[in-house]
Every structure is written in C-alpha cells, then in structure tokens.
C-alpha atoms as a PDB file:
ATOM      1  CA  MET A   1     -46.153  47.557  -9.786  1.00  0.00           C
ATOM      2  CA  SER A   2     -45.863  44.830  -7.428  1.00  0.00           C
ATOM      3  CA  ASN A   3     -42.722  43.872  -5.649  1.00  0.00           C
ATOM      4  CA  TYR A   4     -42.218  40.458  -5.431  1.00  0.00           C
ATOM      5  CA  GLU A   5     -38.507  40.478  -4.007  1.00  0.00           C
ATOM      6  CA  THR A   6     -38.051  38.603  -0.697  1.00  0.00           C
ATOM      7  CA  PRO A   7     -38.385  40.794   2.201  1.00  0.00           C
ATOM      8  CA  PRO A   8     -34.824  41.117   3.969  1.00  0.00           C
ATOM      9  CA  ALA A   9     -36.199  39.519   7.261  1.00  0.00           C
ATOM     10  CA  ALA A  10     -37.837  36.142   5.583  1.00  0.00           C
ATOM     11  CA  ARG A  11     -34.831  35.470   3.604  1.00  0.00           C
ATOM     12  CA  TRP A  12     -32.454  36.088   6.783  1.00  0.00           C
ATOM     13  CA  GLY A  13     -35.051  33.316   8.101  1.00  0.00           C
ATOM     14  CA  GLN A  14     -34.277  30.927   5.063  1.00  0.00           C
ATOM     15  CA  THR A  15     -30.764  31.480   5.546  1.00  0.00           C
ATOM     16  CA  ALA A  16     -30.663  30.237   9.072  1.00  0.00           C
ATOM     17  CA  ARG A  17     -32.892  28.074   8.582  1.00  0.00           C
ATOM     18  CA  ALA A  18     -30.661  26.721   5.729  1.00  0.00           C
ATOM     19  CA  GLY A  19     -27.434  26.934   8.090  1.00  0.00           C
ATOM     20  CA  VAL A  20     -29.609  24.599  10.804  1.00  0.00           C
ATOM     21  CA  GLU A  21     -30.622  22.758   8.746  1.00  0.00           C
ATOM     22  CA  VAL A  22     -26.816  22.089   7.205  1.00  0.00           C
ATOM     23  CA  ASP A  23     -25.256  21.770  11.030  1.00  0.00           C
ATOM     24  CA  GLN A  24     -27.429  18.878  12.058  1.00  0.00           C
ATOM     25  CA  GLY A  25     -26.430  17.321   8.422  1.00  0.00           C
ATOM     26  CA  LEU A  26     -23.077  17.715   9.412  1.00  0.00           C
ATOM     27  CA  ARG A  27     -23.311  16.571  13.076  1.00  0.00           C
ATOM     28  CA  ALA A  28     -25.469  13.641  12.222  1.00  0.00           C
ATOM     29  CA  TYR A  29     -22.637  12.834   9.000  1.00  0.00           C
ATOM     30  CA  MET A  30     -20.078  13.399  11.530  1.00  0.00           C
ATOM     31  CA  LEU A  31     -21.598  10.708  14.572  1.00  0.00           C
ATOM     32  CA  ARG A  32     -22.081   8.454  12.094  1.00  0.00           C
ATOM     33  CA  VAL A  33     -18.161   8.578  11.307  1.00  0.00           C
ATOM     34  CA  TYR A  34     -17.081   8.106  14.397  1.00  0.00           C
ATOM     35  CA  ASN A  35     -19.953   5.592  14.913  1.00  0.00           C
ATOM     36  CA  TYR A  36     -18.276   3.389  12.337  1.00  0.00           C
ATOM     37  CA  MET A  37     -14.667   4.025  13.614  1.00  0.00           C
ATOM     38  CA  ALA A  38     -15.721   3.410  17.608  1.00  0.00           C
ATOM     39  CA  LEU A  39     -17.560  -0.101  15.962  1.00  0.00           C
ATOM     40  CA  GLY A  40     -14.592  -0.928  14.401  1.00  0.00           C
ATOM     41  CA  LEU A  41     -11.937  -0.239  17.234  1.00  0.00           C
ATOM     42  CA  ALA A  42     -14.714  -2.869  19.349  1.00  0.00           C
ATOM     43  CA  ILE A  43     -14.135  -5.362  16.733  1.00  0.00           C
ATOM     44  CA  THR A  44     -10.340  -5.610  16.616  1.00  0.00           C
ATOM     45  CA  GLY A  45     -10.725  -4.954  20.188  1.00  0.00           C
ATOM     46  CA  ALA A  46     -12.744  -8.157  20.692  1.00  0.00           C
ATOM     47  CA  ALA A  47     -10.499 -10.397  17.191  1.00  0.00           C
ATOM     48  CA  ALA A  48      -7.165  -9.460  19.228  1.00  0.00           C
ATOM     49  CA  LEU A  49      -8.073 -10.802  22.705  1.00  0.00           C
ATOM     50  CA  GLY A  50     -10.341 -13.571  21.093  1.00  0.00           C
ATOM     51  CA  THR A  51      -7.060 -14.761  19.283  1.00  0.00           C
ATOM     52  CA  PHE A  52      -5.116 -14.663  22.215  1.00  0.00           C
ATOM     53  CA  LEU A  53      -6.638 -16.325  24.018  1.00  0.00           C
ATOM     54  CA  MET A  54      -7.256 -19.197  21.411  1.00  0.00           C
ATOM     55  CA  ALA A  55      -3.657 -18.902  20.882  1.00  0.00           C
ATOM     56  CA  VAL A  56      -1.704 -19.509  24.431  1.00  0.00           C
ATOM     57  CA  ASP A  57      -3.035 -22.288  26.631  1.00  0.00           C
ATOM     58  CA  ARG A  58      -1.722 -20.572  30.253  1.00  0.00           C
ATOM     59  CA  SER A  59      -2.642 -23.817  32.549  1.00  0.00           C
ATOM     60  CA  GLY A  60      -0.489 -25.749  34.448  1.00  0.00           C
ATOM     61  CA  GLY A  61       1.665 -22.124  35.207  1.00  0.00           C
ATOM     62  CA  THR A  62       3.446 -21.672  32.174  1.00  0.00           C
ATOM     63  CA  ALA A  63       2.023 -19.631  29.002  1.00  0.00           C
ATOM     64  CA  LYS A  64       2.748 -21.640  25.840  1.00  0.00           C
ATOM     65  CA  LEU A  65       1.827 -21.243  22.519  1.00  0.00           C
ATOM     66  CA  THR A  66      -1.602 -24.051  21.055  1.00  0.00           C
ATOM     67  CA  ALA A  67      -1.357 -25.321  17.279  1.00  0.00           C
ATOM     68  CA  PHE A  68      -3.834 -22.410  16.941  1.00  0.00           C
ATOM     69  CA  GLY A  69      -0.706 -19.679  18.317  1.00  0.00           C
ATOM     70  CA  GLN A  70       1.587 -21.940  16.342  1.00  0.00           C
ATOM     71  CA  LEU A  71      -0.295 -21.713  13.091  1.00  0.00           C
ATOM     72  CA  ILE A  72      -0.597 -17.782  12.963  1.00  0.00           C
ATOM     73  CA  TYR A  73       2.326 -16.836  14.881  1.00  0.00           C
ATOM     74  CA  GLN A  74       5.139 -19.714  13.464  1.00  0.00           C
ATOM     75  CA  SER A  75       3.753 -21.245  10.413  1.00  0.00           C
ATOM     76  CA  PRO A  76       4.147 -19.153   7.020  1.00  0.00           C
ATOM     77  CA  LEU A  77       0.215 -18.509   7.443  1.00  0.00           C
ATOM     78  CA  LYS A  78       1.062 -15.321   9.912  1.00  0.00           C
ATOM     79  CA  TRP A  79       2.514 -13.271   6.670  1.00  0.00           C
ATOM     80  CA  VAL A  80      -1.241 -13.420   5.570  1.00  0.00           C
ATOM     81  CA  VAL A  81      -2.608 -12.662   8.725  1.00  0.00           C
ATOM     82  CA  ILE A  82       0.041  -9.018   8.725  1.00  0.00           C
ATOM     83  CA  PHE A  83      -0.583  -8.446   5.388  1.00  0.00           C
ATOM     84  CA  ALA A  84      -4.335  -9.334   4.393  1.00  0.00           C
ATOM     85  CA  PRO A  85      -5.496  -6.630   6.285  1.00  0.00           C
ATOM     86  CA  LEU A  86      -3.443  -4.583   3.814  1.00  0.00           C
ATOM     87  CA  ALA A  87      -5.230  -6.000   0.560  1.00  0.00           C
ATOM     88  CA  LEU A  88      -8.754  -5.257   2.402  1.00  0.00           C
ATOM     89  CA  VAL A  89      -7.635  -1.633   2.812  1.00  0.00           C
ATOM     90  CA  PHE A  90      -6.605  -1.395  -0.796  1.00  0.00           C
ATOM     91  CA  LEU A  91      -9.598  -2.832  -1.995  1.00  0.00           C
ATOM     92  CA  LEU A  92     -11.702  -0.160   0.412  1.00  0.00           C
ATOM     93  CA  SER A  93      -9.490   2.581  -0.956  1.00  0.00           C
ATOM     94  CA  PHE A  94      -9.510   2.330  -4.742  1.00  0.00           C
ATOM     95  CA  GLY A  95     -12.962  -0.073  -5.056  1.00  0.00           C
ATOM     96  CA  ILE A  96     -15.255   2.407  -2.685  1.00  0.00           C
ATOM     97  CA  GLN A  97     -16.708   3.649  -6.365  1.00  0.00           C
ATOM     98  CA  ARG A  98     -17.803   0.384  -6.831  1.00  0.00           C
ATOM     99  CA  LEU A  99     -18.993  -1.236  -3.930  1.00  0.00           C
ATOM    100  CA  SER A 100     -22.524  -1.208  -2.331  1.00  0.00           C
ATOM    101  CA  VAL A 101     -22.561   1.207   1.065  1.00  0.00           C
ATOM    102  CA  ALA A 102     -23.846  -1.975   2.717  1.00  0.00           C
ATOM    103  CA  ALA A 103     -20.449  -4.450   1.012  1.00  0.00           C
ATOM    104  CA  ALA A 104     -18.279  -1.593   2.034  1.00  0.00           C
ATOM    105  CA  GLN A 105     -19.434  -1.763   6.100  1.00  0.00           C
ATOM    106  CA  LEU A 106     -18.669  -5.457   5.990  1.00  0.00           C
ATOM    107  CA  THR A 107     -15.350  -5.364   4.315  1.00  0.00           C
ATOM    108  CA  PHE A 108     -14.398  -2.565   6.885  1.00  0.00           C
ATOM    109  CA  TRP A 109     -15.630  -5.175   9.602  1.00  0.00           C
ATOM    110  CA  VAL A 110     -13.159  -7.692   8.240  1.00  0.00           C
ATOM    111  CA  TYR A 111     -10.876  -5.681   8.156  1.00  0.00           C
ATOM    112  CA  ALA A 112     -11.316  -4.660  11.613  1.00  0.00           C
ATOM    113  CA  ALA A 113     -11.110  -8.349  12.829  1.00  0.00           C
ATOM    114  CA  LEU A 114      -8.196  -8.980  10.237  1.00  0.00           C
ATOM    115  CA  VAL A 115      -6.210  -6.206  12.334  1.00  0.00           C
ATOM    116  CA  GLY A 116      -7.187  -7.407  15.446  1.00  0.00           C
ATOM    117  CA  VAL A 117      -6.333 -11.049  14.389  1.00  0.00           C
ATOM    118  CA  SER A 118      -3.168  -9.640  13.425  1.00  0.00           C
ATOM    119  CA  LEU A 119      -2.614  -7.163  16.523  1.00  0.00           C
ATOM    120  CA  SER A 120      -3.176  -9.913  19.068  1.00  0.00           C
ATOM    121  CA  ALA A 121       1.029 -10.885  19.411  1.00  0.00           C
ATOM    122  CA  ILE A 122       1.009  -7.459  21.222  1.00  0.00           C
ATOM    123  CA  PHE A 123      -0.260 -10.067  24.605  1.00  0.00           C
ATOM    124  CA  LEU A 124       2.782 -12.275  23.838  1.00  0.00           C
ATOM    125  CA  VAL A 125       5.198  -8.983  24.462  1.00  0.00           C
ATOM    126  CA  PHE A 126       3.554  -6.273  26.646  1.00  0.00           C
ATOM    127  CA  THR A 127       1.601  -7.053  29.517  1.00  0.00           C
ATOM    128  CA  GLY A 128      -2.144  -6.772  29.839  1.00  0.00           C
ATOM    129  CA  GLN A 129      -2.346  -3.712  32.829  1.00  0.00           C
ATOM    130  CA  SER A 130       0.220  -1.680  29.655  1.00  0.00           C
ATOM    131  CA  ILE A 131      -2.427  -2.123  26.993  1.00  0.00           C
ATOM    132  CA  THR A 132      -5.327  -0.857  28.792  1.00  0.00           C
ATOM    133  CA  GLN A 133      -3.046   2.152  30.376  1.00  0.00           C
ATOM    134  CA  VAL A 134      -1.852   3.150  26.819  1.00  0.00           C
ATOM    135  CA  PHE A 135      -5.831   2.365  24.779  1.00  0.00           C
ATOM    136  CA  PHE A 136      -7.054   4.841  27.184  1.00  0.00           C
ATOM    137  CA  VAL A 137      -4.005   7.466  26.983  1.00  0.00           C
ATOM    138  CA  THR A 138      -4.664   6.855  23.017  1.00  0.00           C
ATOM    139  CA  ALA A 139      -8.530   7.707  23.527  1.00  0.00           C
ATOM    140  CA  ALA A 140      -7.867  10.999  25.157  1.00  0.00           C
ATOM    141  CA  SER A 141      -5.139  12.219  22.821  1.00  0.00           C
ATOM    142  CA  PHE A 142      -7.270  11.205  19.933  1.00  0.00           C
ATOM    143  CA  GLY A 143     -10.288  12.935  21.295  1.00  0.00           C
ATOM    144  CA  ALA A 144      -8.865  15.788  21.681  1.00  0.00           C
ATOM    145  CA  LEU A 145      -6.638  16.278  18.657  1.00  0.00           C
ATOM    146  CA  SER A 146     -10.148  15.283  16.224  1.00  0.00           C
ATOM    147  CA  LEU A 147     -11.801  17.854  18.409  1.00  0.00           C
ATOM    148  CA  TYR A 148      -9.255  20.289  17.328  1.00  0.00           C
ATOM    149  CA  GLY A 149      -9.458  19.309  14.338  1.00  0.00           C
ATOM    150  CA  TYR A 150     -13.567  19.786  14.198  1.00  0.00           C
ATOM    151  CA  THR A 151     -13.739  23.214  15.658  1.00  0.00           C
ATOM    152  CA  THR A 152     -10.370  24.948  14.566  1.00  0.00           C
ATOM    153  CA  GLN A 153     -11.017  28.093  11.825  1.00  0.00           C
ATOM    154  CA  ARG A 154      -7.357  26.945  10.515  1.00  0.00           C
ATOM    155  CA  ASP A 155      -6.771  25.542   7.654  1.00  0.00           C
ATOM    156  CA  LEU A 156      -4.524  22.874   8.541  1.00  0.00           C
ATOM    157  CA  SER A 157      -4.487  21.416   4.476  1.00  0.00           C
ATOM    158  CA  ALA A 158      -0.924  23.004   4.473  1.00  0.00           C
ATOM    159  CA  PHE A 159       0.232  20.523   7.124  1.00  0.00           C
ATOM    160  CA  GLY A 160      -1.100  17.840   5.382  1.00  0.00           C
ATOM    161  CA  ALA A 161       1.805  17.073   2.971  1.00  0.00           C
ATOM    162  CA  PHE A 162       4.126  17.143   5.372  1.00  0.00           C
ATOM    163  CA  LEU A 163       2.418  14.726   7.684  1.00  0.00           C
ATOM    164  CA  ILE A 164       1.807  12.329   4.586  1.00  0.00           C
ATOM    165  CA  MET A 165       5.751  12.529   3.882  1.00  0.00           C
ATOM    166  CA  GLY A 166       6.560  11.732   7.726  1.00  0.00           C
ATOM    167  CA  LEU A 167       4.024   9.133   7.325  1.00  0.00           C
ATOM    168  CA  PHE A 168       5.786   7.570   4.351  1.00  0.00           C
ATOM    169  CA  GLY A 169       9.586   7.885   5.972  1.00  0.00           C
ATOM    170  CA  ILE A 170       7.968   6.026   9.052  1.00  0.00           C
ATOM    171  CA  ILE A 171       7.115   2.802   6.892  1.00  0.00           C
ATOM    172  CA  ILE A 172      10.608   3.138   5.541  1.00  0.00           C
ATOM    173  CA  ALA A 173      12.595   3.257   8.750  1.00  0.00           C
ATOM    174  CA  SER A 174      10.027   0.489   9.726  1.00  0.00           C
ATOM    175  CA  LEU A 175      10.581  -2.163   7.069  1.00  0.00           C
ATOM    176  CA  VAL A 176      14.392  -0.929   7.320  1.00  0.00           C
ATOM    177  CA  ASN A 177      14.480  -2.044  11.038  1.00  0.00           C
ATOM    178  CA  ILE A 178      12.800  -5.110  10.481  1.00  0.00           C
ATOM    179  CA  PHE A 179      16.452  -5.965   9.423  1.00  0.00           C
ATOM    180  CA  LEU A 180      18.341  -4.293  11.264  1.00  0.00           C
ATOM    181  CA  ALA A 181      16.180  -4.671  15.014  1.00  0.00           C
ATOM    182  CA  SER A 182      17.517  -0.796  16.256  1.00  0.00           C
ATOM    183  CA  SER A 183      16.383  -0.461  19.577  1.00  0.00           C
ATOM    184  CA  ALA A 184      17.663   3.266  18.741  1.00  0.00           C
ATOM    185  CA  LEU A 185      15.879   3.094  14.958  1.00  0.00           C
ATOM    186  CA  GLN A 186      12.688   2.030  16.506  1.00  0.00           C
ATOM    187  CA  PHE A 187      12.772   4.634  19.263  1.00  0.00           C
ATOM    188  CA  ALA A 188      13.377   7.104  16.783  1.00  0.00           C
ATOM    189  CA  VAL A 189      10.324   6.461  15.209  1.00  0.00           C
ATOM    190  CA  SER A 190       7.956   5.804  17.630  1.00  0.00           C
ATOM    191  CA  VAL A 191       8.358   9.120  18.783  1.00  0.00           C
ATOM    192  CA  ILE A 192       7.902  10.490  14.975  1.00  0.00           C
ATOM    193  CA  GLY A 193       5.008   8.088  14.744  1.00  0.00           C
ATOM    194  CA  VAL A 194       3.518   9.979  17.848  1.00  0.00           C
ATOM    195  CA  LEU A 195       3.728  13.325  16.173  1.00  0.00           C
ATOM    196  CA  VAL A 196       2.789  12.450  12.849  1.00  0.00           C
ATOM    197  CA  PHE A 197      -0.252  10.243  13.452  1.00  0.00           C
ATOM    198  CA  ALA A 198      -1.118  13.246  15.904  1.00  0.00           C
ATOM    199  CA  GLY A 199      -1.453  15.747  13.587  1.00  0.00           C
ATOM    200  CA  LEU A 200      -3.431  13.184  11.557  1.00  0.00           C
ATOM    201  CA  THR A 201      -5.898  13.168  13.377  1.00  0.00           C
ATOM    202  CA  ALA A 202      -6.784  16.382  14.100  1.00  0.00           C
ATOM    203  CA  TYR A 203      -6.061  17.019   9.598  1.00  0.00           C
ATOM    204  CA  ASP A 204      -8.110  14.007   8.891  1.00  0.00           C
ATOM    205  CA  THR A 205     -11.038  15.241  10.640  1.00  0.00           C
ATOM    206  CA  GLN A 206     -11.438  18.720   9.267  1.00  0.00           C
ATOM    207  CA  ARG A 207     -10.616  16.813   5.963  1.00  0.00           C
ATOM    208  CA  ILE A 208     -13.698  14.216   6.344  1.00  0.00           C
ATOM    209  CA  LYS A 209     -15.831  17.844   7.744  1.00  0.00           C
ATOM    210  CA  GLU A 210     -14.933  19.232   4.647  1.00  0.00           C
ATOM    211  CA  MET A 211     -16.118  16.183   2.365  1.00  0.00           C
ATOM    212  CA  TYR A 212     -19.563  16.957   3.984  1.00  0.00           C
ATOM    213  CA  PHE A 213     -22.319  18.111   1.653  1.00  0.00           C
ATOM    214  CA  GLU A 214     -25.969  17.946   1.845  1.00  0.00           C
ATOM    215  CA  GLY A 215     -26.760  17.496  -1.330  1.00  0.00           C
ATOM    216  CA  ASP A 216     -25.363  14.169  -1.462  1.00  0.00           C
ATOM    217  CA  ASP A 217     -27.657  10.969  -1.637  1.00  0.00           C
ATOM    218  CA  GLU A 218     -27.418   8.260   0.767  1.00  0.00           C
ATOM    219  CA  VAL A 219     -24.917   6.665  -0.704  1.00  0.00           C
ATOM    220  CA  LEU A 220     -22.449   9.020  -1.840  1.00  0.00           C
ATOM    221  CA  ALA A 221     -22.903   9.943   1.924  1.00  0.00           C
ATOM    222  CA  GLY A 222     -22.256   6.171   2.806  1.00  0.00           C
ATOM    223  CA  ARG A 223     -19.130   5.606   1.027  1.00  0.00           C
ATOM    224  CA  LYS A 224     -17.961   9.495   2.539  1.00  0.00           C
ATOM    225  CA  ALA A 225     -18.615   8.044   6.118  1.00  0.00           C
ATOM    226  CA  ILE A 226     -16.785   4.646   5.520  1.00  0.00           C
ATOM    227  CA  MET A 227     -13.891   6.326   4.107  1.00  0.00           C
ATOM    228  CA  GLY A 228     -13.990   8.682   7.091  1.00  0.00           C
ATOM    229  CA  ALA A 229     -13.922   6.292   9.932  1.00  0.00           C
ATOM    230  CA  LEU A 230     -11.683   3.909   7.996  1.00  0.00           C
ATOM    231  CA  SER A 231      -9.177   6.956   7.905  1.00  0.00           C
ATOM    232  CA  LEU A 232      -9.936   7.927  11.837  1.00  0.00           C
ATOM    233  CA  TYR A 233      -9.659   3.873  12.564  1.00  0.00           C
ATOM    234  CA  LEU A 234      -6.108   3.789  11.455  1.00  0.00           C
ATOM    235  CA  ASP A 235      -4.870   6.982  12.979  1.00  0.00           C
ATOM    236  CA  PHE A 236      -5.975   5.406  16.051  1.00  0.00           C
ATOM    237  CA  ILE A 237      -4.665   2.559  15.823  1.00  0.00           C
ATOM    238  CA  ASN A 238      -1.347   3.637  14.304  1.00  0.00           C
ATOM    239  CA  LEU A 239      -0.888   6.341  17.751  1.00  0.00           C
ATOM    240  CA  PHE A 240      -1.779   3.700  20.203  1.00  0.00           C
ATOM    241  CA  MET A 241       0.768   1.410  18.447  1.00  0.00           C
ATOM    242  CA  MET A 242       3.323   3.904  18.540  1.00  0.00           C
ATOM    243  CA  LEU A 243       2.564   5.030  22.230  1.00  0.00           C
ATOM    244  CA  LEU A 244       2.766   1.220  23.140  1.00  0.00           C
ATOM    245  CA  GLN A 245       6.291   0.958  21.740  1.00  0.00           C
ATOM    246  CA  LEU A 246       7.320   3.480  24.158  1.00  0.00           C
ATOM    247  CA  PHE A 247       5.065   3.677  26.581  1.00  0.00           C
ATOM    248  CA  GLY A 248       4.719  -0.264  27.096  1.00  0.00           C
ATOM    249  CA  ARG A 249       5.596  -2.398  29.697  1.00  0.00           C
ATOM    250  CA  ARG A 250       7.130  -5.721  28.409  1.00  0.00           C
ATOM    251  CA  GLU A 251       6.449  -9.013  29.646  1.00  0.00           C
END
C-alpha cells in the first residue's frame, strides 16, 4: 500500500517556511505601526511649533500674544483646543470598526495635529532647549522600553491591570490639581506618571505584537496597525509630558 504521509523532513521544511512567513508578516505589521506613530509625532511637532510661531510675536525684543494667540490661549476657544483631541480618540476607539482604513488614518492625522495645537503652550512655559533635550530622552527611553516589550518572553499582561489603575489615578489626581494647584501633587503625579507610561510602553508593545494574525485581511490589519500606533503615540506623548514636568527648564 502506498504511504501518502508527508515525510518528516518535508514537514519540517513546510513548518520552517510558515514560520519565516509569519515572522516577516509580523515585522512588516510592527513596522507599519511604528511608521504611523512616527508620522503622528512629526505632525504633532510641526503643528505645535507652527501654532506657537503664529501665536507669539517676538519682534521688538519682548514676546507677546498675537490676536491668534489670544484666541486659542485666552478665549473660550481654548477649551475646544483642549477637548477636541479627546473627542477624536473616542471616535477612533469606539468607531474604528465602522471606519475605512483611509478614514481611520485621516482621523489619526487630524488628531495628531490637534494634539500639537494643544501642546503648543509648552513653548510658553519651557525653554526650547529643554523641550528638545527631554524629547530625545523620551525617544531613547521609549525605544528601549518598546524593544523590551517586543523581545521579552515574559508575559506582561499581569501588569496591565495595575498600569491601567495607575493611569486612572493619574487622571483623577491631575483633575483635582487643576483646582488645588499644588506643586507637591504635580511632582508626585509626574513621578508616578513616568513609571506608569514606561510600563505601558512595554505592555502595549507586547499587546500590539500579540494582536498580529497572519490570516487578517488588509482592512483588519490596517485597523489594527492604526489602533496600535495610537496606543504607542499616547504612551510617548504622555511620557514626554511627565518628563518635561520633572526636568524641563521654565522660561
């Protein structure tokens, strides 16, 4: 009787080829996530700097707000600038399944630009040199933490619940401190925030990696990449802001 069972060597070859294809697909997927995130950060930086340059007039030796600056920093419109990015985060988070990949990308780019407009106020508070220094420190730290999350064999999901609880604690404490204006509370929030967002960077990277499935079609893979980029983008921005509060030199 003929034996149609696949020889062990052939089976090993098929498994190896499948493993290589999955590995290549995973690398392409993660590269797509990081590219989206990096472009979002670039848009945010350009929007923040451009907004600041339009909002502040430095001619004459003294800095003063232009009419545009007064509009976005001192008028009621400032609340729209602050909360508009939050609305788009909810749109992406809860409406991603109803959006096309192109629409989700556009929403993410608009969100990144609005965050840049909102963050432009840091140029009024901190020196440009310290902002640049903290950005590069953040980039180096983020890169190391994300690499750890990608390569570690340790399951980080056990830390996820604690990190999310810490995140909610930071949000509540920050809202309270709007009214208290306590420098001690702000310092505590910044220190805890650095630890929380450092942990979230590694945790989210591992989670995004595990979301990859080689059987996903282009639409589903595209949506996953955008949501993954959004998570890492938020980790980066928040880590940057916490470090800036701790180490930034004020004007």
